[in-house]
């Protein structure tokens, strides 16, 4: 199990910025979880904190436990074993992070050489197999091509294949559909649905994509977790006004939401007396919202809102 317990991330440089504030997630083996929220909410920072890929001015507090072992306490040797071998990270950008000078099949299988001491021949063979598995190379031969010959959707699926080639148990995917059209998004969604035994954590802006690939949904806003529960429960019965407003803003729901303000600035999050961070945009705001609401657990459906505090 991979567990995030009360994790906060603060960037220290000039004016300190709180990018993640008291986040908790529990990723059980085989589970599929999506984090959704607008740009700047802290989604990607949280994911990078989980594998300690943030810059040196980031201060991470709390615990990130891999089967009880705190990743934040690991030395470099242990971290190298964990990254790619146990936890894989699929960066955003439509697979643009692939090395343009190396053939795709070799790049997919390369983690096998690093973590499982496989030969180059074995690594390339696994790359070919995974390309077929994810319907990138039905006829054969694509493994010998270079990344520039692949479409954005094909590269993204190749990146997922690279992430699991060494047998990683946990896959962290950051905005895997960014910049892709509807057809290619559907292919990426199909790729994630083929991850059966792997534990998936996916950051996305796309509510429909999140609904298609996840069993649990975490809604982030202004560095905080505002709602967390079973995906279909959160979508069909949103408790937090922000989740409700996001759903109302979707085209298929008539784009009924009209924005009434902006998220507070990141440098204000360190002020613990600022109250609910959504209150300036919330139609349900009351005097109670001048104080920070606690997280309330309603039969496993968690929400940070005064409406549910008894």
Protein backbone atom coordinates (compact mmCIF):
# COMPACT_ATOMS: atom_id res chain seq x y z
CA UNK A 1 0.00 0.00 0.00
CA UNK A 2 1.06 3.57 -0.73
CA UNK A 3 -0.23 6.06 1.82
CA UNK A 4 -0.05 9.85 1.93
CA UNK A 5 -0.54 11.09 5.50
CA UNK A 6 -1.03 14.79 6.26
CA UNK A 7 1.43 15.86 3.56
CA UNK A 8 2.18 19.54 2.98
CA UNK A 9 4.64 21.04 0.49
CA UNK A 10 6.06 24.53 0.94
CA UNK A 11 8.44 26.21 -1.50
CA UNK A 12 10.98 28.34 0.31
CA UNK A 13 12.39 31.21 -1.78
CA UNK A 14 11.70 34.86 -1.08
CA UNK A 15 7.97 34.75 -0.40
CA UNK A 16 7.20 31.23 0.80
CA UNK A 17 4.46 29.40 -1.09
CA UNK A 18 2.29 26.59 0.28
CA UNK A 19 1.52 24.37 -2.72
CA UNK A 20 0.00 21.35 -0.92
CA UNK A 21 -1.77 21.64 2.42
CA UNK A 22 -2.46 18.64 4.69
CA UNK A 23 -3.26 16.02 2.02
CA UNK A 24 -4.10 12.42 2.87
CA UNK A 25 -4.69 9.53 0.44
CA UNK A 26 -4.65 5.77 0.84
CA UNK A 27 -3.79 3.80 -2.32
CA UNK A 28 -4.50 0.16 -1.68
CA UNK A 29 -2.94 -2.47 -3.93
CA UNK A 30 -4.80 -2.64 -7.24
CA UNK A 31 -6.90 0.48 -6.60
CA UNK A 32 -7.50 3.18 -9.22
CA UNK A 33 -7.64 6.81 -8.02
CA UNK A 34 -7.90 10.10 -9.89
CA UNK A 35 -7.11 13.60 -8.59
CA UNK A 36 -9.01 16.39 -10.32
CA UNK A 37 -8.91 20.16 -9.92
CA UNK A 38 -8.02 23.35 -11.72
CA UNK A 39 -4.52 24.49 -12.64
CA UNK A 40 -2.51 25.54 -9.60
CA UNK A 41 -4.45 23.42 -7.12
CA UNK A 42 -1.38 21.35 -6.20
CA UNK A 43 -2.16 18.08 -7.99
CA UNK A 44 1.15 17.62 -9.80
CA UNK A 45 3.21 18.93 -6.87
CA UNK A 46 1.69 16.27 -4.63
CA UNK A 47 2.52 13.54 -7.14
CA UNK A 48 6.13 14.70 -7.52
CA UNK A 49 6.46 14.89 -3.74
CA UNK A 50 5.45 11.22 -3.53
CA UNK A 51 8.62 10.21 -5.41
CA UNK A 52 10.77 13.11 -4.20
CA UNK A 53 11.31 14.75 -7.56
CA UNK A 54 10.70 18.31 -6.36
CA UNK A 55 13.48 20.95 -6.41
CA UNK A 56 15.71 21.49 -3.40
CA UNK A 57 13.72 24.49 -2.13
CA UNK A 58 10.65 22.31 -1.52
CA UNK A 59 9.95 21.44 2.11
CA UNK A 60 7.80 18.33 2.51
CA UNK A 61 6.15 17.51 5.82
CA UNK A 62 3.97 14.56 6.82
CA UNK A 63 4.56 10.97 5.75
CA UNK A 64 4.54 9.09 2.43
CA UNK A 65 4.49 5.42 3.34
CA UNK A 66 5.33 2.58 0.95
CA UNK A 67 4.28 -0.60 2.75
CA UNK A 68 5.01 1.25 5.99
CA UNK A 69 8.41 2.62 4.90
CA UNK A 70 8.59 6.42 4.74
CA UNK A 71 9.78 7.52 1.28
CA UNK A 72 10.81 10.88 2.77
CA UNK A 73 13.42 9.07 4.89
CA UNK A 74 14.90 6.92 2.11
CA UNK A 75 18.53 7.34 1.06
CA UNK A 76 19.50 7.77 -2.60
CA UNK A 77 20.20 4.07 -3.16
CA UNK A 78 16.80 3.02 -1.85
CA UNK A 79 15.07 5.79 -3.83
CA UNK A 80 16.71 4.55 -7.02
CA UNK A 81 15.29 1.08 -6.35
CA UNK A 82 11.82 2.46 -5.71
CA UNK A 83 11.61 4.82 -8.70
CA UNK A 84 10.74 2.73 -11.73
CA UNK A 85 11.10 -0.59 -9.93
CA UNK A 86 8.18 -0.18 -7.50
CA UNK A 87 6.68 3.23 -8.31
CA UNK A 88 6.68 4.51 -11.87
CA UNK A 89 5.98 8.08 -12.94
CA UNK A 90 4.40 8.97 -16.29
CA UNK A 91 5.02 12.71 -16.88
CA UNK A 92 2.63 15.01 -18.69
CA UNK A 93 3.27 16.18 -22.23
CA UNK A 94 1.94 13.49 -24.58
CA UNK A 95 5.12 11.41 -24.34
CA UNK A 96 7.36 14.33 -25.34
CA UNK A 97 9.78 13.36 -22.58
CA UNK A 98 10.88 10.30 -24.57
CA UNK A 99 14.47 10.36 -25.82
CA UNK A 100 14.28 11.28 -29.54
CA UNK A 101 17.57 9.43 -30.26
CA UNK A 102 16.50 6.02 -28.94
CA UNK A 103 14.08 3.56 -30.51
CA UNK A 104 10.74 3.27 -28.75
CA UNK A 105 10.93 -0.46 -28.02
CA UNK A 106 14.29 -0.11 -26.29
CA UNK A 107 13.09 2.86 -24.21
CA UNK A 108 10.05 0.94 -23.01
CA UNK A 109 12.15 -2.05 -21.98
CA UNK A 110 15.08 -0.10 -20.54
CA UNK A 111 13.72 -0.12 -16.94
CA UNK A 112 14.02 -3.93 -17.08
CA UNK A 113 17.77 -3.56 -17.59
CA UNK A 114 18.04 -1.14 -14.65
CA UNK A 115 15.80 -2.88 -12.13
CA UNK A 116 15.65 -6.53 -13.21
CA UNK A 117 19.12 -6.94 -14.79
CA UNK A 118 17.61 -8.02 -18.12
CA UNK A 119 19.63 -8.10 -21.33
CA UNK A 120 19.05 -5.58 -24.11
CA UNK A 121 17.43 -8.31 -26.21
CA UNK A 122 15.02 -9.17 -23.39
CA UNK A 123 14.24 -5.49 -22.82
CA UNK A 124 13.40 -4.86 -26.48
CA UNK A 125 11.25 -8.01 -26.60
CA UNK A 126 9.26 -6.75 -23.60
CA UNK A 127 8.89 -3.36 -25.29
CA UNK A 128 7.46 -5.08 -28.36
CA UNK A 129 5.05 -7.12 -26.23
CA UNK A 130 3.74 -4.08 -24.37
CA UNK A 131 3.25 -2.10 -27.58
CA UNK A 132 1.04 -4.95 -28.83
CA UNK A 133 -0.77 -5.14 -25.48
CA UNK A 134 -1.67 -1.45 -25.67
CA UNK A 135 -2.67 -1.65 -29.36
CA UNK A 136 0.16 0.55 -30.61
CA UNK A 137 1.85 -2.09 -32.74
CA UNK A 138 -0.73 -4.57 -34.01
CA UNK A 139 1.25 -5.42 -37.15
CA UNK A 140 4.74 -5.35 -35.62
CA UNK A 141 7.70 -3.14 -36.43
CA UNK A 142 6.81 0.00 -34.42
CA UNK A 143 9.26 -0.93 -31.66
CA UNK A 144 12.10 -0.15 -34.08
CA UNK A 145 10.75 3.34 -34.81
CA UNK A 146 11.78 6.59 -33.14
CA UNK A 147 9.38 8.67 -31.00
CA UNK A 148 8.89 11.38 -33.64
CA UNK A 149 7.07 8.86 -35.86
CA UNK A 150 4.44 8.26 -33.15
CA UNK A 151 1.34 10.40 -32.61
CA UNK A 152 0.83 12.06 -29.22
CA UNK A 153 -1.59 9.33 -28.15
CA UNK A 154 0.81 6.58 -29.23
CA UNK A 155 3.68 8.18 -27.32
CA UNK A 156 1.50 8.52 -24.23
CA UNK A 157 0.60 4.82 -24.36
CA UNK A 158 4.28 4.00 -24.89
CA UNK A 159 5.08 5.99 -21.73
CA UNK A 160 2.56 3.94 -19.74
CA UNK A 161 4.16 0.79 -21.15
CA UNK A 162 7.57 2.06 -20.04
CA UNK A 163 6.16 2.69 -16.58
CA UNK A 164 5.10 -0.91 -16.03
CA UNK A 165 7.80 -2.76 -17.99
CA UNK A 166 9.93 -3.45 -14.90
CA UNK A 167 6.92 -4.66 -12.92
CA UNK A 168 6.22 -1.47 -10.95
CA UNK A 169 3.29 -1.93 -8.58
CA UNK A 170 2.28 1.73 -8.55
CA UNK A 171 1.76 3.96 -11.59
CA UNK A 172 1.61 7.73 -11.08
CA UNK A 173 0.34 9.48 -14.22
CA UNK A 174 0.39 13.28 -14.58
CA UNK A 175 -2.14 14.73 -17.05
CA UNK A 176 -1.90 11.81 -19.52
CA UNK A 177 -4.55 13.29 -21.86
CA UNK A 178 -3.21 16.85 -22.01
CA UNK A 179 -3.18 18.15 -25.59
CA UNK A 180 -4.88 15.05 -27.03
CA UNK A 181 -8.06 15.02 -29.11
CA UNK A 182 -11.14 12.98 -28.18
CA UNK A 183 -10.13 9.91 -30.18
CA UNK A 184 -6.65 9.71 -28.70
CA UNK A 185 -8.03 10.30 -25.18
CA UNK A 186 -10.22 7.23 -25.67
CA UNK A 187 -7.14 5.16 -26.60
CA UNK A 188 -5.26 6.36 -23.50
CA UNK A 189 -8.30 5.55 -21.37
CA UNK A 190 -8.35 2.04 -22.82
CA UNK A 191 -4.65 1.69 -21.96
CA UNK A 192 -5.27 2.56 -18.30
CA UNK A 193 -8.20 0.15 -18.15
CA UNK A 194 -5.78 -2.65 -19.05
CA UNK A 195 -3.80 -2.01 -15.85
CA UNK A 196 -5.41 -4.73 -13.73
CA UNK A 197 -3.01 -5.54 -10.89
CA UNK A 198 -1.16 -2.21 -10.84
CA UNK A 199 -2.23 0.57 -8.47
CA UNK A 200 -3.00 3.76 -10.40
CA UNK A 201 -2.95 7.39 -9.28
CA UNK A 202 -3.80 9.79 -12.10
CA UNK A 203 -3.84 13.60 -12.10
CA UNK A 204 -6.22 15.09 -14.66
CA UNK A 205 -8.38 18.10 -15.59
CA UNK A 206 -10.82 15.87 -17.48
CA UNK A 207 -13.79 14.76 -15.37
CA UNK A 208 -15.05 12.29 -17.98
CA UNK A 209 -11.60 10.70 -18.26
CA UNK A 210 -11.37 10.49 -14.45
CA UNK A 211 -14.77 8.81 -14.34
CA UNK A 212 -13.68 6.27 -16.94
CA UNK A 213 -10.45 5.12 -15.29
CA UNK A 214 -10.92 5.55 -11.53
CA UNK A 215 -12.74 3.92 -8.65
CA UNK A 216 -12.01 6.74 -6.22
CA UNK A 217 -11.91 10.48 -6.88
CA UNK A 218 -10.08 13.22 -5.01
CA UNK A 219 -11.05 16.85 -5.68
CA UNK A 220 -8.34 19.45 -5.00
CA UNK A 221 -8.67 23.21 -4.81
CA UNK A 222 -6.23 25.85 -3.55
CA UNK A 223 -3.72 23.23 -2.29
CA UNK A 224 -6.32 21.30 -0.29
CA UNK A 225 -8.39 18.17 -0.64
CA UNK A 226 -12.03 19.32 -0.66
CA UNK A 227 -13.75 16.04 -1.43
CA UNK A 228 -12.78 12.37 -1.61
CA UNK A 229 -14.84 9.25 -2.17
CA UNK A 230 -15.99 6.61 -4.60
CA UNK A 231 -15.89 8.14 -8.07
CA UNK A 232 -19.50 7.49 -9.04
CA UNK A 233 -20.72 8.65 -5.64
CA UNK A 234 -18.79 11.93 -5.90
CA UNK A 235 -20.08 12.57 -9.44
CA UNK A 236 -23.70 11.61 -8.77
CA UNK A 237 -23.86 13.17 -5.29
CA UNK A 238 -21.27 15.95 -5.02
CA UNK A 239 -21.09 17.30 -1.49
CA UNK A 240 -18.73 20.23 -1.86
CA UNK A 241 -19.97 23.34 -3.71
CA UNK A 242 -16.75 23.37 -5.77
CA UNK A 243 -17.32 19.82 -7.02
CA UNK A 244 -20.92 20.71 -7.85
CA UNK A 245 -19.82 23.85 -9.72
CA UNK A 246 -17.23 21.89 -11.73
CA UNK A 247 -19.85 19.38 -12.79
CA UNK A 248 -22.35 22.11 -13.68
CA UNK A 249 -19.71 23.79 -15.86
CA UNK A 250 -19.34 20.71 -18.10
CA UNK A 251 -20.84 21.09 -21.62
CA UNK A 252 -23.03 18.01 -21.24
CA UNK A 253 -24.55 19.60 -18.12
CA UNK A 254 -25.35 22.83 -19.93
CA UNK A 255 -22.38 24.87 -18.72
CA UNK A 256 -24.70 26.31 -16.06
CA UNK A 257 -21.94 27.61 -13.82
CA UNK A 258 -20.95 31.27 -14.15
CA UNK A 259 -17.65 32.09 -12.44
CA UNK A 260 -17.96 34.68 -9.70
CA UNK A 261 -14.32 35.12 -8.71
CA UNK A 262 -10.84 33.67 -8.60
CA UNK A 263 -8.92 31.30 -6.37
CA UNK A 264 -6.90 33.05 -3.65
CA UNK A 265 -3.20 33.59 -4.29
CA UNK A 266 -0.76 30.88 -3.22
CA UNK A 267 1.12 33.19 -0.89
CA UNK A 268 -2.05 33.61 1.19
CA UNK A 269 -2.41 29.90 2.01
CA UNK A 270 0.07 30.17 4.88
CA UNK A 271 -2.47 32.36 6.67
CA UNK A 272 -4.35 29.80 8.75
CA UNK A 273 -7.01 32.39 9.62
CA UNK A 274 -8.15 33.03 6.04
CA UNK A 275 -11.11 30.66 6.35
CA UNK A 276 -12.52 28.46 3.59
CA UNK A 277 -10.54 29.06 0.41
CA UNK A 278 -13.59 28.66 -1.80
CA UNK A 279 -15.82 31.10 0.06
CA UNK A 280 -15.36 34.06 -2.35
CA UNK A 281 -16.68 31.92 -5.21
CA UNK A 282 -19.28 29.93 -3.26
CA UNK A 283 -23.01 30.66 -3.41
CA UNK A 284 -23.55 28.75 -0.15
CA UNK A 285 -21.07 30.86 1.83
CA UNK A 286 -22.10 31.79 5.41
CA UNK A 287 -20.43 33.51 8.33
CA UNK A 288 -19.04 30.14 9.45
CA UNK A 289 -16.86 30.07 6.32
CA UNK A 290 -14.65 32.78 7.76
CA UNK A 291 -12.95 29.91 9.61
CA UNK A 292 -11.24 26.93 7.95
CA UNK A 293 -13.68 23.99 7.83
CA UNK A 294 -12.53 20.56 9.03
CA UNK A 295 -12.79 17.39 6.94
CA UNK A 296 -16.01 15.51 7.67
CA UNK A 297 -16.34 11.79 6.91
CA UNK A 298 -19.85 10.77 5.81
CA UNK A 299 -19.81 6.98 5.43
CA UNK A 300 -16.45 7.08 3.64
CA UNK A 301 -17.32 10.15 1.54
CA UNK A 302 -15.06 12.92 2.86
CA UNK A 303 -15.71 16.63 2.43
CA UNK A 304 -14.17 19.87 3.75
CA UNK A 305 -17.22 22.13 4.17
CA UNK A 306 -19.10 23.66 7.09
CA UNK A 307 -22.43 22.44 5.65
CA UNK A 308 -21.69 18.96 6.98
CA UNK A 309 -20.25 19.80 10.38
CA UNK A 310 -22.65 18.89 13.16
